[in-house]
């Protein structure tokens, strides 16, 4: 299985994902909550990742 690498840096990907999820869950979660949850998840996953994304 080949993983697709996004040309966007992690911060840009997180911002794009946060905007999409916030729009999807508008009225349930604030944009700030979605951003915090994504950033926390990314940080926790990156701390234990065996494969590092190019910077």
Protein backbone atom coordinates (compact mmCIF):
# COMPACT_ATOMS: atom_id res chain seq x y z
CA UNK A 1 0.00 0.00 0.00
CA UNK A 2 1.40 3.40 -0.96
CA UNK A 3 0.69 6.39 1.27
CA UNK A 4 -0.08 9.66 -0.44
CA UNK A 5 2.08 12.55 0.71
CA UNK A 6 0.37 15.91 0.78
CA UNK A 7 2.43 18.80 -0.59
CA UNK A 8 1.20 20.97 2.28
CA UNK A 9 3.17 21.26 5.52
CA UNK A 10 1.52 19.78 8.66
CA UNK A 11 0.28 23.17 9.90
CA UNK A 12 -1.45 23.89 6.59
CA UNK A 13 -2.98 20.40 6.49
CA UNK A 14 -4.25 20.81 10.05
CA UNK A 15 -5.74 24.20 9.21
CA UNK A 16 -7.47 22.78 6.15
CA UNK A 17 -8.80 19.82 8.13
CA UNK A 18 -9.94 22.06 10.99
CA UNK A 19 -11.85 24.33 8.63
CA UNK A 20 -13.55 21.37 6.95
CA UNK A 21 -14.48 19.70 10.26
CA UNK A 22 -15.64 22.95 11.83
CA UNK A 23 -17.95 23.58 8.88
CA UNK A 24 -19.25 20.02 9.08
CA UNK A 25 -19.98 20.31 12.81
CA UNK A 26 -21.06 23.95 12.85
CA UNK A 27 -23.30 24.63 15.81
CA UNK A 28 -21.91 21.68 17.76
CA UNK A 29 -18.21 22.52 18.09
CA UNK A 30 -16.45 25.85 17.72
CA UNK A 31 -13.61 26.32 15.25
CA UNK A 32 -11.23 26.80 18.18
CA UNK A 33 -12.27 23.48 19.76
CA UNK A 34 -11.72 21.62 16.49
CA UNK A 35 -8.31 23.27 16.04
CA UNK A 36 -7.24 22.37 19.58
CA UNK A 37 -8.36 18.76 19.21
CA UNK A 38 -6.59 18.32 15.87
CA UNK A 39 -3.39 19.95 17.14
CA UNK A 40 -3.41 17.79 20.27
CA UNK A 41 -4.04 14.61 18.25
CA UNK A 42 -1.28 15.48 15.79
CA UNK A 43 1.19 16.22 18.59
CA UNK A 44 0.42 12.96 20.40
CA UNK A 45 0.67 10.89 17.23
CA UNK A 46 3.87 12.62 16.08
CA UNK A 47 5.52 11.98 19.45
CA UNK A 48 5.30 8.22 18.90
CA UNK A 49 5.54 8.00 15.12
CA UNK A 50 8.11 5.64 13.69
CA UNK A 51 7.99 7.32 10.31
CA UNK A 52 8.65 11.04 10.14
CA UNK A 53 7.17 13.33 7.50
CA UNK A 54 9.71 15.36 5.55
CA UNK A 55 10.00 18.95 6.73
